[in-house]
PDB file of N, CA and C in Angstrom:
ATOM      1  N   MET A   1       6.324  -4.263  -9.792  1.00  0.00           N
ATOM      2  CA  MET A   1       7.392  -4.165 -10.221  1.00  0.00           C
ATOM      3  C   MET A   1       7.630  -3.530 -11.270  1.00  0.00           C
ATOM      4  N   ALA A   2       6.154  -3.521 -12.650  1.00  0.00           N
ATOM      5  CA  ALA A   2       6.560  -2.885 -13.662  1.00  0.00           C
ATOM      6  C   ALA A   2       6.246  -1.819 -13.608  1.00  0.00           C
ATOM      7  N   GLY A   3       5.574  -1.132 -12.543  1.00  0.00           N
ATOM      8  CA  GLY A   3       4.897   0.453 -12.636  1.00  0.00           C
ATOM      9  C   GLY A   3       6.181   1.079 -12.150  1.00  0.00           C
ATOM     10  N   TYR A   4       7.321   0.665 -11.265  1.00  0.00           N
ATOM     11  CA  TYR A   4       8.501   1.231 -11.016  1.00  0.00           C
ATOM     12  C   TYR A   4       9.606   1.695 -12.231  1.00  0.00           C
ATOM     13  N   PHE A   5       9.087   0.556 -13.275  1.00  0.00           N
ATOM     14  CA  PHE A   5       9.933   1.274 -14.381  1.00  0.00           C
ATOM     15  C   PHE A   5       8.786   2.084 -15.214  1.00  0.00           C
ATOM     16  N   LEU A   6       7.757   1.679 -15.394  1.00  0.00           N
ATOM     17  CA  LEU A   6       6.894   2.529 -16.353  1.00  0.00           C
ATOM     18  C   LEU A   6       6.671   3.709 -16.009  1.00  0.00           C
ATOM     19  N   VAL A   7       5.933   3.924 -14.541  1.00  0.00           N
ATOM     20  CA  VAL A   7       5.410   5.182 -14.484  1.00  0.00           C
ATOM     21  C   VAL A   7       7.205   6.056 -14.729  1.00  0.00           C
ATOM     22  N   PRO A   8       8.548   6.023 -14.547  1.00  0.00           N
ATOM     23  CA  PRO A   8       8.970   7.030 -14.852  1.00  0.00           C
ATOM     24  C   PRO A   8       9.073   7.379 -16.477  1.00  0.00           C
ATOM     25  N   SER A   9       9.049   6.075 -17.170  1.00  0.00           N
ATOM     26  CA  SER A   9       8.805   6.460 -18.670  1.00  0.00           C
ATOM     27  C   SER A   9       7.571   6.970 -18.903  1.00  0.00           C
ATOM     28  N   LEU A  10       6.481   6.918 -17.941  1.00  0.00           N
ATOM     29  CA  LEU A  10       5.390   7.765 -18.625  1.00  0.00           C
ATOM     30  C   LEU A  10       5.637   9.175 -18.466  1.00  0.00           C
ATOM     31  N   VAL A  11       6.066   9.736 -17.368  1.00  0.00           N
ATOM     32  CA  VAL A  11       7.181  10.881 -16.820  1.00  0.00           C
ATOM     33  C   VAL A  11       6.991  11.623 -17.511  1.00  0.00           C
ATOM     34  N   VAL A  12       8.203  11.113 -18.344  1.00  0.00           N
ATOM     35  CA  VAL A  12       9.036  11.549 -19.373  1.00  0.00           C
ATOM     36  C   VAL A  12       8.204  11.534 -21.065  1.00  0.00           C
ATOM     37  N   PHE A  13       7.398  10.828 -21.207  1.00  0.00           N
ATOM     38  CA  PHE A  13       6.268  10.863 -22.359  1.00  0.00           C
ATOM     39  C   PHE A  13       5.618  12.040 -22.737  1.00  0.00           C
ATOM     40  N   PHE A  14       5.040  12.013 -21.005  1.00  0.00           N
ATOM     41  CA  PHE A  14       3.941  13.332 -21.303  1.00  0.00           C
ATOM     42  C   PHE A  14       4.442  14.615 -21.167  1.00  0.00           C
ATOM     43  N   ALA A  15       5.952  14.374 -20.308  1.00  0.00           N
ATOM     44  CA  ALA A  15       6.622  15.734 -20.568  1.00  0.00           C
ATOM     45  C   ALA A  15       7.519  16.233 -21.940  1.00  0.00           C
ATOM     46  N   ALA A  16       7.275  15.342 -22.667  1.00  0.00           N
ATOM     47  CA  ALA A  16       7.789  15.894 -23.973  1.00  0.00           C
ATOM     48  C   ALA A  16       6.315  15.849 -24.325  1.00  0.00           C
ATOM     49  N   MET A  17       5.539  15.571 -24.414  1.00  0.00           N
ATOM     50  CA  MET A  17       4.473  15.525 -25.059  1.00  0.00           C
ATOM     51  C   MET A  17       3.499  17.290 -24.820  1.00  0.00           C
ATOM     52  N   PHE A  18       4.052  17.195 -23.340  1.00  0.00           N
ATOM     53  CA  PHE A  18       3.332  19.051 -23.060  1.00  0.00           C
ATOM     54  C   PHE A  18       4.042  19.577 -23.136  1.00  0.00           C
ATOM     55  N   GLY A  19       5.364  19.967 -24.051  1.00  0.00           N
ATOM     56  CA  GLY A  19       6.356  20.822 -24.961  1.00  0.00           C
ATOM     57  C   GLY A  19       7.605  20.958 -23.754  1.00  0.00           C
ATOM     58  N   ALA A  20       8.117  19.967 -23.129  1.00  0.00           N
ATOM     59  CA  ALA A  20       9.028  20.142 -22.460  1.00  0.00           C
ATOM     60  C   ALA A  20      10.188  20.151 -23.325  1.00  0.00           C
ATOM     61  N   ASP A  21      11.082  21.014 -22.943  1.00  0.00           N
ATOM     62  CA  ASP A  21      12.567  20.799 -24.368  1.00  0.00           C
ATOM     63  C   ASP A  21      13.415  19.317 -23.724  1.00  0.00           C
ATOM     64  N   PRO A  22      13.568  19.094 -25.215  1.00  0.00           N
ATOM     65  CA  PRO A  22      14.277  17.650 -25.627  1.00  0.00           C
ATOM     66  C   PRO A  22      15.674  17.196 -24.308  1.00  0.00           C
ATOM     67  N   LYS A  23      16.120  18.306 -24.689  1.00  0.00           N
ATOM     68  CA  LYS A  23      17.800  18.626 -24.053  1.00  0.00           C
ATOM     69  C   LYS A  23      17.564  18.549 -22.855  1.00  0.00           C
ATOM     70  N   ALA A  24      16.618  19.541 -21.871  1.00  0.00           N
ATOM     71  CA  ALA A  24      16.389  19.324 -20.714  1.00  0.00           C
ATOM     72  C   ALA A  24      16.229  18.156 -20.114  1.00  0.00           C
ATOM     73  N   LEU A  25      15.200  17.441 -20.749  1.00  0.00           N
ATOM     74  CA  LEU A  25      14.603  15.906 -20.321  1.00  0.00           C
ATOM     75  C   LEU A  25      15.954  15.096 -20.597  1.00  0.00           C
ATOM     76  N   ARG A  26      16.982  15.097 -21.834  1.00  0.00           N
ATOM     77  CA  ARG A  26      17.614  13.928 -21.520  1.00  0.00           C
ATOM     78  C   ARG A  26      19.344  14.540 -20.017  1.00  0.00           C
ATOM     79  N   ALA A  27      19.002  15.649 -19.945  1.00  0.00           N
ATOM     80  CA  ALA A  27      20.046  16.493 -18.835  1.00  0.00           C
ATOM     81  C   ALA A  27      19.999  16.036 -17.520  1.00  0.00           C
ATOM     82  N   ASP A  28      18.196  16.200 -17.247  1.00  0.00           N
ATOM     83  CA  ASP A  28      17.996  15.605 -16.042  1.00  0.00           C
ATOM     84  C   ASP A  28      16.987  13.979 -16.180  1.00  0.00           C
ATOM     85  N   SER A  29      17.471  13.147 -16.931  1.00  0.00           N
ATOM     86  CA  SER A  29      16.338  12.367 -17.228  1.00  0.00           C
ATOM     87  C   SER A  29      16.905  11.136 -16.017  1.00  0.00           C
ATOM     88  N   GLN A  30      17.596  11.237 -15.317  1.00  0.00           N
ATOM     89  CA  GLN A  30      17.904  10.245 -13.605  1.00  0.00           C
ATOM     90  C   GLN A  30      17.737  10.958 -13.019  1.00  0.00           C
ATOM     91  N   PHE A  31      17.546  12.059 -12.604  1.00  0.00           N
ATOM     92  CA  PHE A  31      16.739  12.825 -12.086  1.00  0.00           C
ATOM     93  C   PHE A  31      15.306  12.830 -11.939  1.00  0.00           C
ATOM     94  N   TRP A  32      14.589  12.632 -12.682  1.00  0.00           N
ATOM     95  CA  TRP A  32      12.964  12.701 -12.887  1.00  0.00           C
ATOM     96  C   TRP A  32      12.669  11.068 -12.880  1.00  0.00           C
ATOM     97  N   PHE A  33      13.663   9.926 -13.089  1.00  0.00           N
ATOM     98  CA  PHE A  33      13.570   8.789 -13.472  1.00  0.00           C
ATOM     99  C   PHE A  33      12.999   8.390 -11.684  1.00  0.00           C
ATOM    100  N   PHE A  34      14.488   9.144 -11.212  1.00  0.00           N
ATOM    101  CA  PHE A  34      14.677   8.371  -9.779  1.00  0.00           C
ATOM    102  C   PHE A  34      13.515   9.164  -8.692  1.00  0.00           C
ATOM    103  N   VAL A  35      12.951  10.480  -9.032  1.00  0.00           N
ATOM    104  CA  VAL A  35      11.788  11.106  -8.604  1.00  0.00           C
ATOM    105  C   VAL A  35      10.327  10.349  -8.625  1.00  0.00           C
ATOM    106  N   SER A  36      10.498  10.451  -9.971  1.00  0.00           N
ATOM    107  CA  SER A  36       9.031   9.313 -10.338  1.00  0.00           C
ATOM    108  C   SER A  36       9.006   8.111  -9.353  1.00  0.00           C
ATOM    109  N   ALA A  37      10.247   7.684  -9.461  1.00  0.00           N
ATOM    110  CA  ALA A  37      10.193   5.625  -9.073  1.00  0.00           C
ATOM    111  C   ALA A  37      10.202   6.242  -7.253  1.00  0.00           C
ATOM    112  N   VAL A  38      10.565   6.996  -6.604  1.00  0.00           N
ATOM    113  CA  VAL A  38      10.607   6.941  -5.405  1.00  0.00           C
ATOM    114  C   VAL A  38       9.019   7.322  -5.162  1.00  0.00           C
ATOM    115  N   ALA A  39       8.625   8.288  -5.981  1.00  0.00           N
ATOM    116  CA  ALA A  39       7.066   8.864  -5.774  1.00  0.00           C
ATOM    117  C   ALA A  39       5.910   7.318  -5.859  1.00  0.00           C
ATOM    118  N   TRP A  40       6.136   6.782  -6.969  1.00  0.00           N
ATOM    119  CA  TRP A  40       5.626   5.758  -6.979  1.00  0.00           C
ATOM    120  C   TRP A  40       5.432   4.890  -6.099  1.00  0.00           C
ATOM    121  N   VAL A  41       6.875   4.559  -5.497  1.00  0.00           N
ATOM    122  CA  VAL A  41       6.994   3.536  -4.374  1.00  0.00           C
ATOM    123  C   VAL A  41       6.501   3.857  -3.292  1.00  0.00           C
ATOM    124  N   ALA A  42       6.274   5.136  -2.326  1.00  0.00           N
ATOM    125  CA  ALA A  42       5.102   5.987  -1.746  1.00  0.00           C
ATOM    126  C   ALA A  42       4.191   5.391  -2.226  1.00  0.00           C
ATOM    127  N   VAL A  43       3.361   6.320  -3.233  1.00  0.00           N
ATOM    128  CA  VAL A  43       2.070   5.701  -3.307  1.00  0.00           C
ATOM    129  C   VAL A  43       1.857   4.319  -2.831  1.00  0.00           C
ATOM    130  N   LEU A  44       2.461   3.361  -3.868  1.00  0.00           N
ATOM    131  CA  LEU A  44       2.152   2.156  -3.614  1.00  0.00           C
ATOM    132  C   LEU A  44       2.141   1.723  -1.673  1.00  0.00           C
ATOM    133  N   GLY A  45       3.273   2.385  -0.821  1.00  0.00           N
ATOM    134  CA  GLY A  45       3.092   1.751   1.163  1.00  0.00           C
ATOM    135  C   GLY A  45       2.455   2.645   0.573  1.00  0.00           C
ATOM    136  N   PHE A  46       1.325   3.832   0.829  1.00  0.00           N
ATOM    137  CA  PHE A  46       0.484   4.896   1.520  1.00  0.00           C
ATOM    138  C   PHE A  46      -0.854   3.353   1.055  1.00  0.00           C
ATOM    139  N   CYS A  47      -0.919   3.125   0.009  1.00  0.00           N
ATOM    140  CA  CYS A  47      -2.223   1.881  -0.078  1.00  0.00           C
ATOM    141  C   CYS A  47      -2.096   1.186   0.421  1.00  0.00           C
ATOM    142  N   ALA A  48      -0.755   0.159   0.733  1.00  0.00           N
ATOM    143  CA  ALA A  48      -0.765  -0.832   1.426  1.00  0.00           C
ATOM    144  C   ALA A  48      -1.122  -0.943   3.160  1.00  0.00           C
ATOM    145  N   ARG A  49      -0.315   0.681   3.507  1.00  0.00           N
ATOM    146  CA  ARG A  49      -0.579   0.438   5.048  1.00  0.00           C
ATOM    147  C   ARG A  49      -1.751   1.595   5.359  1.00  0.00           C
ATOM    148  N   PHE A  50      -2.804   2.167   4.379  1.00  0.00           N
ATOM    149  CA  PHE A  50      -4.036   2.531   4.872  1.00  0.00           C
ATOM    150  C   PHE A  50      -5.273   2.357   4.213  1.00  0.00           C
ATOM    151  N   LEU A  51      -4.967   1.473   2.675  1.00  0.00           N
ATOM    152  CA  LEU A  51      -6.569   1.212   2.207  1.00  0.00           C
ATOM    153  C   LEU A  51      -6.445  -0.277   1.919  1.00  0.00           C
ATOM    154  N   LEU A  52      -5.397  -1.647   2.529  1.00  0.00           N
ATOM    155  CA  LEU A  52      -5.635  -2.691   2.080  1.00  0.00           C
ATOM    156  C   LEU A  52      -6.445  -2.746   3.174  1.00  0.00           C
ATOM    157  N   GLY A  53      -6.997  -3.943   3.473  1.00  0.00           N
ATOM    158  CA  GLY A  53      -7.959  -4.300   4.696  1.00  0.00           C
ATOM    159  C   GLY A  53      -8.447  -3.502   5.517  1.00  0.00           C
ATOM    160  N   ARG A  54      -8.777  -2.053   5.025  1.00  0.00           N
ATOM    161  CA  ARG A  54      -9.858  -1.423   5.847  1.00  0.00           C
ATOM    162  C   ARG A  54     -11.283  -1.701   6.657  1.00  0.00           C
ATOM    163  N   SER A  55     -11.715  -2.567   5.108  1.00  0.00           N
ATOM    164  CA  SER A  55     -13.146  -3.128   5.339  1.00  0.00           C
ATOM    165  C   SER A  55     -12.956  -4.124   6.406  1.00  0.00           C
ATOM    166  N   TYR A  56     -12.434  -4.784   6.636  1.00  0.00           N
ATOM    167  CA  TYR A  56     -12.008  -6.095   7.638  1.00  0.00           C
ATOM    168  C   TYR A  56     -12.467  -5.327   9.268  1.00  0.00           C
ATOM    169  N   ALA A  57     -12.912  -6.406   9.803  1.00  0.00           N
ATOM    170  CA  ALA A  57     -12.851  -5.821  11.280  1.00  0.00           C
ATOM    171  C   ALA A  57     -11.603  -6.169  12.318  1.00  0.00           C
ATOM    172  N   LYS A  58     -11.199  -4.856  13.158  1.00  0.00           N
ATOM    173  CA  LYS A  58     -10.370  -5.125  13.451  1.00  0.00           C
ATOM    174  C   LYS A  58     -10.707  -5.175  15.264  1.00  0.00           C
ATOM    175  N   PRO A  59      -9.858  -5.733  15.908  1.00  0.00           N
ATOM    176  CA  PRO A  59     -10.085  -5.463  17.331  1.00  0.00           C
ATOM    177  C   PRO A  59      -9.996  -4.526  17.865  1.00  0.00           C
ATOM    178  N   ASP A  60     -10.638  -4.049  18.998  1.00  0.00           N
ATOM    179  CA  ASP A  60     -10.182  -2.691  19.864  1.00  0.00           C
ATOM    180  C   ASP A  60      -9.327  -2.913  21.086  1.00  0.00           C
ATOM    181  N   GLY A  61      -9.352  -3.857  21.264  1.00  0.00           N
ATOM    182  CA  GLY A  61      -8.279  -4.306  22.573  1.00  0.00           C
ATOM    183  C   GLY A  61      -8.054  -5.908  22.441  1.00  0.00           C
ATOM    184  N   MET A  62      -7.220  -5.908  23.583  1.00  0.00           N
ATOM    185  CA  MET A  62      -6.980  -8.039  23.456  1.00  0.00           C
ATOM    186  C   MET A  62      -8.489  -8.118  23.187  1.00  0.00           C
ATOM    187  N   TRP A  63      -8.596  -9.624  22.857  1.00  0.00           N
ATOM    188  CA  TRP A  63      -9.396 -10.386  22.376  1.00  0.00           C
ATOM    189  C   TRP A  63      -9.060 -12.266  22.454  1.00  0.00           C
ATOM    190  N   SER A  64     -10.409 -12.836  22.711  1.00  0.00           N
ATOM    191  CA  SER A  64      -9.904 -14.046  23.143  1.00  0.00           C
ATOM    192  C   SER A  64     -10.701 -14.749  21.986  1.00  0.00           C
ATOM    193  N   CYS A  65      -9.606 -15.277  21.533  1.00  0.00           N
ATOM    194  CA  CYS A  65     -10.275 -16.632  20.290  1.00  0.00           C
ATOM    195  C   CYS A  65     -11.533 -16.982  20.488  1.00  0.00           C
ATOM    196  N   SER A  66     -12.225 -17.227  19.508  1.00  0.00           N
ATOM    197  CA  SER A  66     -13.959 -18.297  20.004  1.00  0.00           C
ATOM    198  C   SER A  66     -13.089 -19.651  19.649  1.00  0.00           C
ATOM    199  N   ASN A  67     -12.209 -20.026  18.891  1.00  0.00           N
ATOM    200  CA  ASN A  67     -11.811 -21.354  18.897  1.00  0.00           C
ATOM    201  C   ASN A  67     -11.702 -21.798  19.926  1.00  0.00           C
ATOM    202  N   CYS A  68      -9.998 -21.320  20.591  1.00  0.00           N
ATOM    203  CA  CYS A  68      -9.411 -22.172  21.133  1.00  0.00           C
ATOM    204  C   CYS A  68      -9.633 -21.251  22.808  1.00  0.00           C
ATOM    205  N   LYS A  69     -10.059 -20.065  22.934  1.00  0.00           N
ATOM    206  CA  LYS A  69     -10.166 -18.898  24.010  1.00  0.00           C
ATOM    207  C   LYS A  69      -8.699 -18.271  24.535  1.00  0.00           C
ATOM    208  N   TYR A  70      -7.572 -18.403  23.519  1.00  0.00           N
ATOM    209  CA  TYR A  70      -6.515 -18.083  23.931  1.00  0.00           C
ATOM    210  C   TYR A  70      -6.380 -15.915  23.851  1.00  0.00           C
ATOM    211  N   LEU A  71      -6.197 -15.671  24.724  1.00  0.00           N
ATOM    212  CA  LEU A  71      -5.898 -14.197  24.582  1.00  0.00           C
ATOM    213  C   LEU A  71      -5.034 -13.802  23.797  1.00  0.00           C
ATOM    214  N   ASN A  72      -5.179 -12.728  22.678  1.00  0.00           N
ATOM    215  CA  ASN A  72      -4.709 -12.397  22.025  1.00  0.00           C
ATOM    216  C   ASN A  72      -4.554 -10.989  22.219  1.00  0.00           C
ATOM    217  N   GLN A  73      -3.312 -10.160  21.846  1.00  0.00           N
ATOM    218  CA  GLN A  73      -3.008  -8.693  21.820  1.00  0.00           C
ATOM    219  C   GLN A  73      -3.503  -7.863  20.911  1.00  0.00           C
ATOM    220  N   ARG A  74      -3.927  -6.904  21.411  1.00  0.00           N
ATOM    221  CA  ARG A  74      -4.872  -6.350  20.474  1.00  0.00           C
ATOM    222  C   ARG A  74      -4.859  -5.973  18.627  1.00  0.00           C
ATOM    223  N   TYR A  75      -3.245  -5.837  18.455  1.00  0.00           N
ATOM    224  CA  TYR A  75      -2.957  -5.449  17.185  1.00  0.00           C
ATOM    225  C   TYR A  75      -2.719  -7.479  16.407  1.00  0.00           C
ATOM    226  N   ALA A  76      -3.351  -8.230  16.965  1.00  0.00           N
ATOM    227  CA  ALA A  76      -3.312  -9.614  16.053  1.00  0.00           C
ATOM    228  C   ALA A  76      -4.769  -9.413  15.919  1.00  0.00           C
ATOM    229  N   VAL A  77      -4.977  -9.791  14.593  1.00  0.00           N
ATOM    230  CA  VAL A  77      -6.224  -9.994  13.754  1.00  0.00           C
ATOM    231  C   VAL A  77      -6.595 -11.471  13.457  1.00  0.00           C
ATOM    232  N   ILE A  78      -5.128 -12.589  13.692  1.00  0.00           N
ATOM    233  CA  ILE A  78      -5.379 -13.738  13.490  1.00  0.00           C
ATOM    234  C   ILE A  78      -5.228 -14.193  15.142  1.00  0.00           C
ATOM    235  N   CYS A  79      -5.914 -15.308  15.705  1.00  0.00           N
ATOM    236  CA  CYS A  79      -4.930 -15.847  16.577  1.00  0.00           C
ATOM    237  C   CYS A  79      -3.837 -16.709  17.044  1.00  0.00           C
ATOM    238  N   GLU A  80      -2.745 -16.017  17.702  1.00  0.00           N
ATOM    239  CA  GLU A  80      -1.655 -16.748  17.793  1.00  0.00           C
ATOM    240  C   GLU A  80      -1.884 -18.603  17.633  1.00  0.00           C
ATOM    241  N   ALA A  81      -2.305 -19.041  18.401  1.00  0.00           N
ATOM    242  CA  ALA A  81      -2.562 -20.278  19.060  1.00  0.00           C
ATOM    243  C   ALA A  81      -3.369 -21.301  17.521  1.00  0.00           C
ATOM    244  N   SER A  82      -4.455 -20.902  17.756  1.00  0.00           N
ATOM    245  CA  SER A  82      -5.252 -21.620  16.230  1.00  0.00           C
ATOM    246  C   SER A  82      -5.442 -20.667  15.233  1.00  0.00           C
ATOM    247  N   LYS A  83      -4.729 -20.117  14.636  1.00  0.00           N
ATOM    248  CA  LYS A  83      -4.766 -19.307  13.813  1.00  0.00           C
ATOM    249  C   LYS A  83      -5.993 -18.891  12.466  1.00  0.00           C
ATOM    250  N   GLN A  84      -7.138 -18.904  14.078  1.00  0.00           N
ATOM    251  CA  GLN A  84      -8.246 -18.716  12.909  1.00  0.00           C
ATOM    252  C   GLN A  84      -8.268 -16.510  13.178  1.00  0.00           C
ATOM    253  N   PRO A  85      -9.038 -16.318  12.320  1.00  0.00           N
ATOM    254  CA  PRO A  85      -9.476 -14.851  12.169  1.00  0.00           C
ATOM    255  C   PRO A  85     -10.151 -14.684  13.106  1.00  0.00           C
ATOM    256  N   TYR A  86      -9.671 -12.850  13.569  1.00  0.00           N
ATOM    257  CA  TYR A  86     -10.483 -12.397  14.703  1.00  0.00           C
ATOM    258  C   TYR A  86     -12.093 -11.953  14.210  1.00  0.00           C
ATOM    259  N   ALA A  87     -12.967 -11.762  13.133  1.00  0.00           N
ATOM    260  CA  ALA A  87     -13.673 -11.778  12.266  1.00  0.00           C
ATOM    261  C   ALA A  87     -13.762 -12.140  11.086  1.00  0.00           C
ATOM    262  N   SER A  88     -14.431 -13.459  10.618  1.00  0.00           N
ATOM    263  CA  SER A  88     -14.887 -13.427   9.553  1.00  0.00           C
ATOM    264  C   SER A  88     -15.127 -12.574   7.904  1.00  0.00           C
ATOM    265  N   LYS A  89     -15.727 -11.561   8.507  1.00  0.00           N
ATOM    266  CA  LYS A  89     -16.220 -10.570   7.819  1.00  0.00           C
ATOM    267  C   LYS A  89     -16.711  -9.116   8.283  1.00  0.00           C
ATOM    268  N   ALA A  90     -16.979  -7.912   7.585  1.00  0.00           N
ATOM    269  CA  ALA A  90     -16.525  -6.992   8.144  1.00  0.00           C
ATOM    270  C   ALA A  90     -17.435  -6.887   8.932  1.00  0.00           C
ATOM    271  N   LEU A  91     -17.460  -5.913  10.064  1.00  0.00           N
ATOM    272  CA  LEU A  91     -18.357  -5.155  10.729  1.00  0.00           C
ATOM    273  C   LEU A  91     -19.520  -4.202   9.356  1.00  0.00           C
ATOM    274  N   PRO A  92     -20.851  -4.494   9.917  1.00  0.00           N
ATOM    275  CA  PRO A  92     -22.127  -3.915   9.111  1.00  0.00           C
ATOM    276  C   PRO A  92     -22.018  -2.397   9.278  1.00  0.00           C
ATOM    277  N   PHE A  93     -22.133  -1.338   8.625  1.00  0.00           N
ATOM    278  CA  PHE A  93     -22.170   0.049   8.995  1.00  0.00           C
ATOM    279  C   PHE A  93     -23.567   0.549   9.671  1.00  0.00           C
ATOM    280  N   SER A  94     -22.519   1.341  11.189  1.00  0.00           N
ATOM    281  CA  SER A  94     -23.816   1.771  11.838  1.00  0.00           C
ATOM    282  C   SER A  94     -24.582   3.295  11.573  1.00  0.00           C
TER     283      SER A  94
END
């Protein structure tokens, strides 16, 4: 959450450091604050969607829980009945 406010401030700071006109920065500050805040949220969304949990093993299709034998859907990484994970560790690289 701090990044939502910190990133726009850093954008304005570095723009001023690299010679941006201070009058133009003030005139367009709301626009640049909005653009940099949206970009920050987009980066966080990308990381959450594609980077978090990528090293964990995921099922290729429907799978049966080794604990309770419940048949889970392919998108379930935790058994819906016993709350046991699909696999405790990541699969080794082949």
